[in-house]
């Protein structure tokens, strides 16, 4: 897959557009490619690509969610509280950067926006690190959890990151 297709699928062009670097419709100008995801997720991703996908996430149990620059979202099989929170954030005009689900499953999730973080059931240190980036004036653009689970995670902000539970914890 060429880099432009990956960026359109991953939402990187959408994030650039939110920062004023590319036109919002640019994400739709590239075809999307995926394999091994539910047919409905593939269909919704294609429908929502024209609005600039900013987040695409899967739950450990096979649920999924797609979010766009303008606040549209569609989900199947995600925790009810996460779906409700997405609706509240979207209605409040928040720009959603990331939705992530720890591999332990259950009602555990994190949503990062242009103005803050909302989380349930994630490691406390992860939530605190995300909040500290916002307090320092940086937006959190991604949170990731490795498949092995536990207190291991990465929080990526607009000008740095913090990784915990790998070999050592690192902040840049």
N, C-alpha and C. Protein backbone atom coordinates (compact mmCIF):
# COMPACT_ATOMS: atom_id res chain seq x y z
N UNK A 1 0.86 -1.16 0.00
CA UNK A 1 0.00 0.00 0.00
C UNK A 1 0.91 1.23 0.00
N UNK A 2 0.60 2.21 -0.84
CA UNK A 2 1.45 3.40 -0.85
C UNK A 2 1.15 4.29 0.34
N UNK A 3 2.08 5.16 0.67
CA UNK A 3 2.01 5.99 1.87
C UNK A 3 0.75 6.86 1.90
N UNK A 4 0.35 7.42 0.76
CA UNK A 4 -0.83 8.28 0.74
C UNK A 4 -2.09 7.51 1.10
N UNK A 5 -2.22 6.28 0.62
CA UNK A 5 -3.39 5.48 0.97
C UNK A 5 -3.39 5.20 2.47
N UNK A 6 -2.21 4.85 3.01
CA UNK A 6 -2.12 4.59 4.44
C UNK A 6 -2.51 5.83 5.24
N UNK A 7 -2.01 7.00 4.85
CA UNK A 7 -2.32 8.22 5.58
C UNK A 7 -3.81 8.54 5.52
N UNK A 8 -4.44 8.31 4.38
CA UNK A 8 -5.87 8.56 4.28
C UNK A 8 -6.64 7.61 5.19
N UNK A 9 -6.24 6.34 5.23
CA UNK A 9 -6.91 5.36 6.07
C UNK A 9 -6.66 5.65 7.54
N UNK A 10 -5.43 5.97 7.89
CA UNK A 10 -5.06 6.18 9.29
C UNK A 10 -5.54 7.52 9.83
N UNK A 11 -5.96 8.41 8.97
CA UNK A 11 -6.47 9.69 9.44
C UNK A 11 -5.40 10.76 9.55
N UNK A 12 -4.17 10.46 9.16
CA UNK A 12 -3.11 11.45 9.29
C UNK A 12 -3.38 12.67 8.44
N UNK A 13 -3.95 12.48 7.26
CA UNK A 13 -4.28 13.66 6.46
C UNK A 13 -5.37 14.45 7.14
N UNK A 14 -6.28 13.78 7.81
CA UNK A 14 -7.32 14.47 8.55
C UNK A 14 -6.74 15.29 9.68
N UNK A 15 -5.75 14.75 10.39
CA UNK A 15 -5.12 15.50 11.47
C UNK A 15 -4.37 16.71 10.91
N UNK A 16 -3.73 16.51 9.75
CA UNK A 16 -3.05 17.65 9.13
C UNK A 16 -4.04 18.73 8.75
N UNK A 17 -5.19 18.31 8.27
CA UNK A 17 -6.22 19.28 7.89
C UNK A 17 -6.70 20.05 9.10
N UNK A 18 -6.84 19.35 10.23
CA UNK A 18 -7.30 20.03 11.44
C UNK A 18 -6.29 21.08 11.87
N UNK A 19 -5.04 20.87 11.54
CA UNK A 19 -4.00 21.84 11.90
C UNK A 19 -3.78 22.86 10.78
N UNK A 20 -4.54 22.75 9.69
CA UNK A 20 -4.43 23.73 8.61
C UNK A 20 -3.38 23.37 7.57
N UNK A 21 -2.92 22.12 7.53
CA UNK A 21 -1.85 21.76 6.62
C UNK A 21 -2.33 21.22 5.28
N UNK A 22 -3.52 20.62 5.22
CA UNK A 22 -4.08 20.11 3.96
C UNK A 22 -5.58 20.38 3.94
N UNK A 23 -6.14 20.37 2.76
CA UNK A 23 -7.58 20.58 2.64
C UNK A 23 -8.32 19.38 3.22
N UNK A 24 -9.42 19.59 3.98
CA UNK A 24 -10.15 18.48 4.58
C UNK A 24 -10.62 17.42 3.59
N UNK A 25 -10.99 17.81 2.39
CA UNK A 25 -11.49 16.84 1.42
C UNK A 25 -10.37 15.99 0.83
N UNK A 26 -9.11 16.33 1.10
CA UNK A 26 -8.00 15.59 0.53
C UNK A 26 -8.03 14.12 0.93
N UNK A 27 -8.46 13.80 2.14
CA UNK A 27 -8.49 12.41 2.58
C UNK A 27 -9.37 11.57 1.67
N UNK A 28 -10.44 12.14 1.15
CA UNK A 28 -11.35 11.39 0.29
C UNK A 28 -10.79 11.19 -1.10
N UNK A 29 -9.75 11.95 -1.48
CA UNK A 29 -9.22 11.83 -2.83
C UNK A 29 -8.36 10.59 -3.00
N UNK A 30 -8.06 9.87 -1.93
CA UNK A 30 -7.28 8.66 -1.99
C UNK A 30 -8.17 7.46 -1.69
N UNK A 31 -8.03 6.40 -2.46
CA UNK A 31 -8.85 5.22 -2.16
C UNK A 31 -8.44 4.63 -0.81
N UNK A 32 -9.38 4.00 -0.15
CA UNK A 32 -9.03 3.36 1.11
C UNK A 32 -8.85 1.86 0.87
N UNK A 33 -8.04 1.26 1.68
CA UNK A 33 -7.78 -0.16 1.56
C UNK A 33 -7.82 -0.77 2.95
N UNK A 34 -8.46 -1.88 3.08
CA UNK A 34 -8.44 -2.61 4.33
C UNK A 34 -8.64 -4.08 4.02
N UNK A 35 -8.28 -4.91 4.97
CA UNK A 35 -8.46 -6.34 4.79
C UNK A 35 -8.75 -6.96 6.15
N UNK A 36 -9.63 -7.91 6.17
CA UNK A 36 -9.90 -8.65 7.39
C UNK A 36 -10.73 -7.92 8.42
N UNK A 37 -11.37 -6.82 8.03
CA UNK A 37 -12.25 -6.13 8.98
C UNK A 37 -13.69 -6.46 8.61
N UNK A 38 -14.62 -6.27 9.55
CA UNK A 38 -16.02 -6.57 9.23
C UNK A 38 -16.51 -5.77 8.01
N UNK A 39 -17.36 -6.41 7.21
CA UNK A 39 -17.88 -5.78 5.99
C UNK A 39 -18.54 -4.44 6.30
N UNK A 40 -19.30 -4.37 7.40
CA UNK A 40 -19.96 -3.12 7.74
C UNK A 40 -18.94 -2.03 8.07
N UNK A 41 -17.84 -2.38 8.75
CA UNK A 41 -16.79 -1.40 9.05
C UNK A 41 -16.17 -0.90 7.75
N UNK A 42 -15.93 -1.79 6.80
CA UNK A 42 -15.39 -1.40 5.50
C UNK A 42 -16.33 -0.42 4.80
N UNK A 43 -17.61 -0.73 4.79
CA UNK A 43 -18.60 0.13 4.15
C UNK A 43 -18.65 1.51 4.81
N UNK A 44 -18.73 1.53 6.14
CA UNK A 44 -18.82 2.82 6.86
C UNK A 44 -17.54 3.62 6.70
N UNK A 45 -16.40 2.96 6.69
CA UNK A 45 -15.14 3.68 6.48
C UNK A 45 -15.15 4.36 5.12
N UNK A 46 -15.62 3.66 4.10
CA UNK A 46 -15.72 4.26 2.77
C UNK A 46 -16.69 5.43 2.74
N UNK A 47 -17.82 5.30 3.42
CA UNK A 47 -18.81 6.38 3.46
C UNK A 47 -18.28 7.61 4.19
N UNK A 48 -17.56 7.39 5.28
CA UNK A 48 -17.11 8.50 6.12
C UNK A 48 -15.78 9.10 5.68
N UNK A 49 -15.05 8.43 4.79
CA UNK A 49 -13.75 8.94 4.34
C UNK A 49 -13.83 10.35 3.77
N UNK A 50 -14.93 10.66 3.12
CA UNK A 50 -15.09 12.00 2.52
C UNK A 50 -15.10 13.11 3.57
N UNK A 51 -15.35 12.76 4.82
CA UNK A 51 -15.41 13.76 5.90
C UNK A 51 -14.12 13.83 6.71
N UNK A 52 -13.09 13.10 6.29
CA UNK A 52 -11.79 13.12 6.96
C UNK A 52 -11.78 12.26 8.22
N UNK A 53 -11.43 11.02 8.08
CA UNK A 53 -11.39 10.12 9.23
C UNK A 53 -10.26 10.53 10.17
N UNK A 54 -10.59 10.78 11.43
CA UNK A 54 -9.58 11.14 12.42
C UNK A 54 -9.29 10.01 13.40
N UNK A 55 -10.22 9.06 13.53
CA UNK A 55 -10.00 7.94 14.44
C UNK A 55 -10.68 6.69 13.89
N UNK A 56 -9.97 5.59 13.97
CA UNK A 56 -10.49 4.29 13.63
C UNK A 56 -9.92 3.34 14.67
N UNK A 57 -10.79 2.66 15.42
CA UNK A 57 -10.29 1.79 16.49
C UNK A 57 -11.13 0.53 16.57
N UNK A 58 -10.49 -0.53 17.06
CA UNK A 58 -11.14 -1.82 17.24
C UNK A 58 -11.04 -2.24 18.69
N UNK A 59 -12.10 -2.87 19.20
CA UNK A 59 -12.09 -3.42 20.55
C UNK A 59 -11.50 -4.83 20.49
N UNK A 60 -11.04 -5.34 21.63
CA UNK A 60 -10.54 -6.72 21.63
C UNK A 60 -11.59 -7.76 21.27
N UNK A 61 -12.86 -7.43 21.45
CA UNK A 61 -13.93 -8.38 21.18
C UNK A 61 -14.54 -8.23 19.77
N UNK A 62 -13.91 -7.43 18.92
CA UNK A 62 -14.37 -7.29 17.54
C UNK A 62 -15.25 -6.08 17.26
N UNK A 63 -15.49 -5.24 18.26
CA UNK A 63 -16.22 -4.00 18.02
C UNK A 63 -15.32 -3.00 17.30
N UNK A 64 -15.91 -1.92 16.81
CA UNK A 64 -15.13 -0.93 16.09
C UNK A 64 -15.84 0.42 16.09
N UNK A 65 -15.06 1.48 15.83
CA UNK A 65 -15.60 2.83 15.76
C UNK A 65 -14.81 3.63 14.73
N UNK A 66 -15.53 4.49 13.99
CA UNK A 66 -14.92 5.42 13.04
C UNK A 66 -15.42 6.81 13.41
N UNK A 67 -14.49 7.80 13.46
CA UNK A 67 -14.84 9.18 13.79
C UNK A 67 -14.24 10.09 12.72
N UNK A 68 -14.96 11.17 12.37
CA UNK A 68 -14.48 12.10 11.34
C UNK A 68 -14.19 13.49 11.92
N UNK A 69 -13.57 14.31 11.11
CA UNK A 69 -13.20 15.68 11.50
C UNK A 69 -14.40 16.50 11.93
N UNK A 70 -15.53 16.31 11.28
CA UNK A 70 -16.70 17.14 11.57
C UNK A 70 -17.59 16.56 12.66
N UNK A 71 -17.11 15.53 13.35
CA UNK A 71 -17.86 14.99 14.48
C UNK A 71 -18.77 13.82 14.16
N UNK A 72 -18.83 13.39 12.92
CA UNK A 72 -19.62 12.21 12.61
C UNK A 72 -18.92 10.99 13.20
N UNK A 73 -19.69 10.01 13.60
CA UNK A 73 -19.10 8.78 14.10
C UNK A 73 -20.08 7.64 13.91
N UNK A 74 -19.54 6.45 13.83
CA UNK A 74 -20.36 5.25 13.72
C UNK A 74 -19.62 4.14 14.43
N UNK A 75 -20.34 3.33 15.18
CA UNK A 75 -19.69 2.27 15.95
C UNK A 75 -20.58 1.05 16.05
N UNK A 76 -19.94 -0.09 16.25
CA UNK A 76 -20.62 -1.35 16.53
C UNK A 76 -19.82 -2.07 17.61
N UNK A 77 -20.51 -2.55 18.62
CA UNK A 77 -19.88 -3.42 19.60
C UNK A 77 -18.88 -2.76 20.53
N UNK A 78 -18.99 -1.43 20.70
CA UNK A 78 -18.11 -0.76 21.67
C UNK A 78 -18.90 -0.60 22.97
N UNK A 79 -18.22 -0.37 24.10
CA UNK A 79 -18.94 -0.18 25.36
C UNK A 79 -19.96 0.97 25.27
N UNK A 80 -21.13 0.77 25.88
CA UNK A 80 -22.19 1.78 25.84
C UNK A 80 -21.72 3.13 26.35
N UNK A 81 -20.96 3.13 27.44
CA UNK A 81 -20.49 4.40 28.01
C UNK A 81 -19.57 5.14 27.04
N UNK A 82 -18.77 4.41 26.29
CA UNK A 82 -17.88 5.03 25.29
C UNK A 82 -18.72 5.65 24.18
N UNK A 83 -19.73 4.92 23.70
CA UNK A 83 -20.60 5.43 22.65
C UNK A 83 -21.33 6.69 23.12
N UNK A 84 -21.83 6.66 24.35
CA UNK A 84 -22.52 7.83 24.91
C UNK A 84 -21.57 9.02 25.00
N UNK A 85 -20.34 8.78 25.45
CA UNK A 85 -19.36 9.86 25.57
C UNK A 85 -19.00 10.44 24.20
N UNK A 86 -18.87 9.60 23.19
CA UNK A 86 -18.62 10.10 21.83
C UNK A 86 -19.73 11.05 21.40
N UNK A 87 -20.96 10.69 21.70
CA UNK A 87 -22.09 11.56 21.36
C UNK A 87 -22.02 12.89 22.08
N UNK A 88 -21.70 12.87 23.36
CA UNK A 88 -21.60 14.11 24.13
C UNK A 88 -20.47 15.00 23.59
N UNK A 89 -19.32 14.40 23.34
CA UNK A 89 -18.17 15.17 22.85
C UNK A 89 -18.46 15.76 21.47
N UNK A 90 -19.06 14.98 20.61
CA UNK A 90 -19.40 15.44 19.27
C UNK A 90 -20.41 16.59 19.34
N UNK A 91 -21.44 16.43 20.16
CA UNK A 91 -22.46 17.48 20.31
C UNK A 91 -21.87 18.77 20.89
N UNK A 92 -20.81 18.63 21.68
CA UNK A 92 -20.16 19.80 22.28
C UNK A 92 -19.16 20.45 21.32
N UNK A 93 -19.01 19.89 20.12
CA UNK A 93 -18.10 20.47 19.13
C UNK A 93 -16.64 20.09 19.31
N UNK A 94 -16.37 19.09 20.10
CA UNK A 94 -14.99 18.65 20.30
C UNK A 94 -14.49 17.92 19.06
N UNK A 95 -13.23 18.11 18.73
CA UNK A 95 -12.58 17.39 17.64
C UNK A 95 -11.92 16.16 18.25
N UNK A 96 -12.37 14.99 17.87
CA UNK A 96 -11.85 13.75 18.44
C UNK A 96 -10.62 13.31 17.67
N UNK A 97 -9.52 13.15 18.41
CA UNK A 97 -8.25 12.73 17.82
C UNK A 97 -8.08 11.22 17.87
N UNK A 98 -8.51 10.60 18.96
CA UNK A 98 -8.19 9.20 19.17
C UNK A 98 -9.25 8.52 20.01
N UNK A 99 -9.53 7.27 19.68
CA UNK A 99 -10.31 6.38 20.52
C UNK A 99 -9.47 5.11 20.61
N UNK A 100 -9.28 4.60 21.82
CA UNK A 100 -8.47 3.39 21.99
C UNK A 100 -9.09 2.50 23.06
N UNK A 101 -8.87 1.20 22.90
CA UNK A 101 -9.40 0.20 23.81
C UNK A 101 -8.26 -0.71 24.28
N UNK A 102 -8.04 -0.81 25.60
CA UNK A 102 -7.01 -1.73 26.09
C UNK A 102 -7.36 -3.18 25.75
N UNK A 103 -6.35 -4.04 25.60
CA UNK A 103 -6.61 -5.43 25.19
C UNK A 103 -7.35 -6.27 26.22
N UNK A 104 -7.44 -5.80 27.46
CA UNK A 104 -8.17 -6.57 28.48
C UNK A 104 -9.67 -6.59 28.21
N UNK A 105 -10.16 -5.66 27.39
CA UNK A 105 -11.56 -5.62 27.03
C UNK A 105 -12.45 -5.07 28.13
N UNK A 106 -13.72 -5.30 28.00
CA UNK A 106 -14.69 -4.78 28.97
C UNK A 106 -14.96 -3.31 28.73
N UNK A 107 -15.48 -2.65 29.76
CA UNK A 107 -15.82 -1.23 29.65
C UNK A 107 -14.58 -0.38 29.95
N UNK A 108 -13.58 -0.52 29.10
CA UNK A 108 -12.30 0.18 29.24
C UNK A 108 -12.00 0.88 27.92
N UNK A 109 -11.77 2.19 27.99
CA UNK A 109 -11.56 2.95 26.77
C UNK A 109 -10.98 4.33 27.10
N UNK A 110 -10.47 4.99 26.07
CA UNK A 110 -9.98 6.36 26.19
C UNK A 110 -10.33 7.10 24.90
N UNK A 111 -10.74 8.36 25.08
CA UNK A 111 -11.03 9.24 23.94
C UNK A 111 -10.23 10.52 24.18
N UNK A 112 -9.45 10.93 23.18
CA UNK A 112 -8.74 12.22 23.30
C UNK A 112 -9.34 13.18 22.29
N UNK A 113 -9.40 14.46 22.68
CA UNK A 113 -9.99 15.50 21.84
C UNK A 113 -9.06 16.70 21.77
N UNK A 114 -9.54 17.74 21.11
CA UNK A 114 -8.78 18.97 21.02
C UNK A 114 -8.71 19.71 22.36
N UNK A 115 -9.52 19.31 23.33
CA UNK A 115 -9.55 20.03 24.61
C UNK A 115 -9.34 19.16 25.84
N UNK A 116 -9.15 17.87 25.67
CA UNK A 116 -8.95 17.04 26.85
C UNK A 116 -9.13 15.57 26.58
N UNK A 117 -9.12 14.81 27.65
CA UNK A 117 -9.20 13.36 27.58
C UNK A 117 -10.35 12.86 28.47
N UNK A 118 -11.04 11.83 28.00
CA UNK A 118 -12.06 11.14 28.78
C UNK A 118 -11.67 9.67 28.75
N UNK A 119 -11.70 9.03 29.91
CA UNK A 119 -11.28 7.62 29.95
C UNK A 119 -12.04 6.86 31.02
N UNK A 120 -12.09 5.56 30.82
CA UNK A 120 -12.69 4.67 31.81
C UNK A 120 -11.90 3.37 31.82
N UNK A 121 -11.45 2.98 33.01
CA UNK A 121 -10.84 1.67 33.20
C UNK A 121 -9.44 1.49 32.64
N UNK A 122 -8.79 2.57 32.23
CA UNK A 122 -7.41 2.45 31.74
C UNK A 122 -6.46 2.63 32.92
N UNK A 123 -5.18 2.26 32.78
CA UNK A 123 -4.25 2.50 33.87
C UNK A 123 -4.24 3.97 34.29
N UNK A 124 -4.29 4.21 35.59
CA UNK A 124 -4.35 5.59 36.12
C UNK A 124 -3.17 6.43 35.63
N UNK A 125 -1.99 5.83 35.57
CA UNK A 125 -0.81 6.59 35.12
C UNK A 125 -0.96 7.03 33.66
N UNK A 126 -1.63 6.25 32.85
CA UNK A 126 -1.87 6.61 31.45
C UNK A 126 -2.79 7.82 31.37
N UNK A 127 -3.88 7.79 32.12
CA UNK A 127 -4.81 8.92 32.15
C UNK A 127 -4.11 10.18 32.65
N UNK A 128 -3.32 10.04 33.72
CA UNK A 128 -2.62 11.20 34.28
C UNK A 128 -1.60 11.76 33.29
N UNK A 129 -0.91 10.89 32.56
CA UNK A 129 0.08 11.37 31.57
C UNK A 129 -0.64 12.14 30.46
N UNK A 130 -1.77 11.63 29.99
CA UNK A 130 -2.52 12.34 28.95
C UNK A 130 -2.94 13.72 29.47
N UNK A 131 -3.48 13.76 30.69
CA UNK A 131 -3.90 15.04 31.26
C UNK A 131 -2.73 15.99 31.43
N UNK A 132 -1.56 15.47 31.78
CA UNK A 132 -0.40 16.36 31.96
C UNK A 132 0.04 16.98 30.63
N UNK A 133 -0.10 16.23 29.53
CA UNK A 133 0.21 16.82 28.22
C UNK A 133 -0.74 17.99 27.93
N UNK A 134 -2.03 17.82 28.20
CA UNK A 134 -2.99 18.91 27.97
C UNK A 134 -2.66 20.10 28.86
N UNK A 135 -2.32 19.85 30.12
CA UNK A 135 -1.98 20.94 31.04
C UNK A 135 -0.74 21.68 30.57
N UNK A 136 0.14 20.99 29.84
CA UNK A 136 1.34 21.63 29.29
C UNK A 136 1.08 22.30 27.94
N UNK A 137 -0.18 22.32 27.50
CA UNK A 137 -0.53 22.99 26.25
C UNK A 137 -0.39 22.12 25.01
N UNK A 138 -0.24 20.81 25.18
CA UNK A 138 -0.13 19.90 24.04
C UNK A 138 -1.40 19.07 23.92
N UNK A 139 -1.82 18.84 22.69
CA UNK A 139 -2.96 17.96 22.47
C UNK A 139 -2.47 16.52 22.35
N UNK A 140 -3.21 15.60 22.92
CA UNK A 140 -2.89 14.18 22.78
C UNK A 140 -3.54 13.69 21.49
N UNK A 141 -2.72 13.18 20.59
CA UNK A 141 -3.21 12.76 19.29
C UNK A 141 -3.38 11.26 19.17
N UNK A 142 -2.79 10.49 20.11
CA UNK A 142 -2.93 9.05 20.05
C UNK A 142 -2.60 8.42 21.39
N UNK A 143 -3.30 7.34 21.70
CA UNK A 143 -3.01 6.48 22.84
C UNK A 143 -3.03 5.07 22.30
N UNK A 144 -2.03 4.26 22.66
CA UNK A 144 -1.97 2.89 22.18
C UNK A 144 -1.62 1.94 23.32
N UNK A 145 -2.20 0.75 23.24
CA UNK A 145 -1.97 -0.30 24.23
C UNK A 145 -1.46 -1.53 23.48
N UNK A 146 -0.38 -2.19 23.96
CA UNK A 146 0.10 -3.39 23.27
C UNK A 146 -0.83 -4.58 23.52
N UNK A 147 -0.83 -5.56 22.65
CA UNK A 147 -1.72 -6.71 22.79
C UNK A 147 -1.54 -7.48 24.10
N UNK A 148 -0.35 -7.45 24.68
CA UNK A 148 -0.09 -8.21 25.92
C UNK A 148 -0.83 -7.63 27.12
N UNK A 149 -1.30 -6.39 27.03
CA UNK A 149 -2.05 -5.77 28.11
C UNK A 149 -1.18 -5.35 29.28
N UNK A 150 -1.81 -5.20 30.43
CA UNK A 150 -1.09 -4.75 31.62
C UNK A 150 -0.91 -3.25 31.63
N UNK A 151 -0.04 -2.81 32.52
CA UNK A 151 0.21 -1.37 32.65
C UNK A 151 1.28 -0.95 31.65
N UNK A 152 0.98 -1.15 30.37
CA UNK A 152 1.87 -0.77 29.28
C UNK A 152 1.05 0.04 28.30
N UNK A 153 1.61 1.17 27.86
CA UNK A 153 0.87 2.06 26.99
C UNK A 153 1.80 3.13 26.44
N UNK A 154 1.34 3.82 25.41
CA UNK A 154 2.04 4.97 24.83
C UNK A 154 1.02 6.09 24.68
N UNK A 155 1.38 7.28 25.11
CA UNK A 155 0.58 8.48 24.89
C UNK A 155 1.41 9.38 23.99
N UNK A 156 0.87 9.73 22.83
CA UNK A 156 1.57 10.59 21.88
C UNK A 156 0.86 11.94 21.85
N UNK A 157 1.64 12.99 22.07
CA UNK A 157 1.09 14.35 22.06
C UNK A 157 1.64 15.11 20.86
N UNK A 158 1.18 16.34 20.71
CA UNK A 158 1.57 17.14 19.54
C UNK A 158 3.06 17.42 19.48
N UNK A 159 3.77 17.38 20.61
CA UNK A 159 5.21 17.66 20.58
C UNK A 159 5.99 16.71 21.48
N UNK A 160 5.50 15.51 21.67
CA UNK A 160 6.23 14.55 22.49
C UNK A 160 5.43 13.28 22.71
N UNK A 161 5.99 12.38 23.49
CA UNK A 161 5.30 11.14 23.81
C UNK A 161 5.83 10.60 25.12
N UNK A 162 5.09 9.66 25.70
CA UNK A 162 5.53 8.94 26.88
C UNK A 162 5.14 7.48 26.69
N UNK A 163 6.10 6.60 26.85
CA UNK A 163 5.87 5.17 26.74
C UNK A 163 6.16 4.53 28.08
N UNK A 164 5.25 3.71 28.57
CA UNK A 164 5.44 3.05 29.87
C UNK A 164 5.28 1.55 29.72
N UNK A 165 6.13 0.83 30.46
CA UNK A 165 5.99 -0.61 30.55
C UNK A 165 6.67 -1.40 29.45
N UNK A 166 7.48 -0.76 28.68
CA UNK A 166 8.23 -1.49 27.66
C UNK A 166 9.47 -1.99 28.36
N UNK A 167 10.63 -1.62 27.95
CA UNK A 167 11.83 -1.97 28.71
C UNK A 167 12.00 -0.98 29.85
N UNK A 168 11.85 0.28 29.53
CA UNK A 168 11.86 1.35 30.52
C UNK A 168 10.83 2.38 30.08
N UNK A 169 10.43 3.24 30.98
CA UNK A 169 9.53 4.31 30.61
C UNK A 169 10.33 5.44 29.97
N UNK A 170 9.80 6.03 28.92
CA UNK A 170 10.51 7.06 28.18
C UNK A 170 9.58 8.24 27.93
N UNK A 171 10.09 9.44 28.11
CA UNK A 171 9.35 10.65 27.75
C UNK A 171 10.23 11.48 26.82
N UNK A 172 9.63 11.98 25.75
CA UNK A 172 10.35 12.88 24.83
C UNK A 172 9.46 14.04 24.50
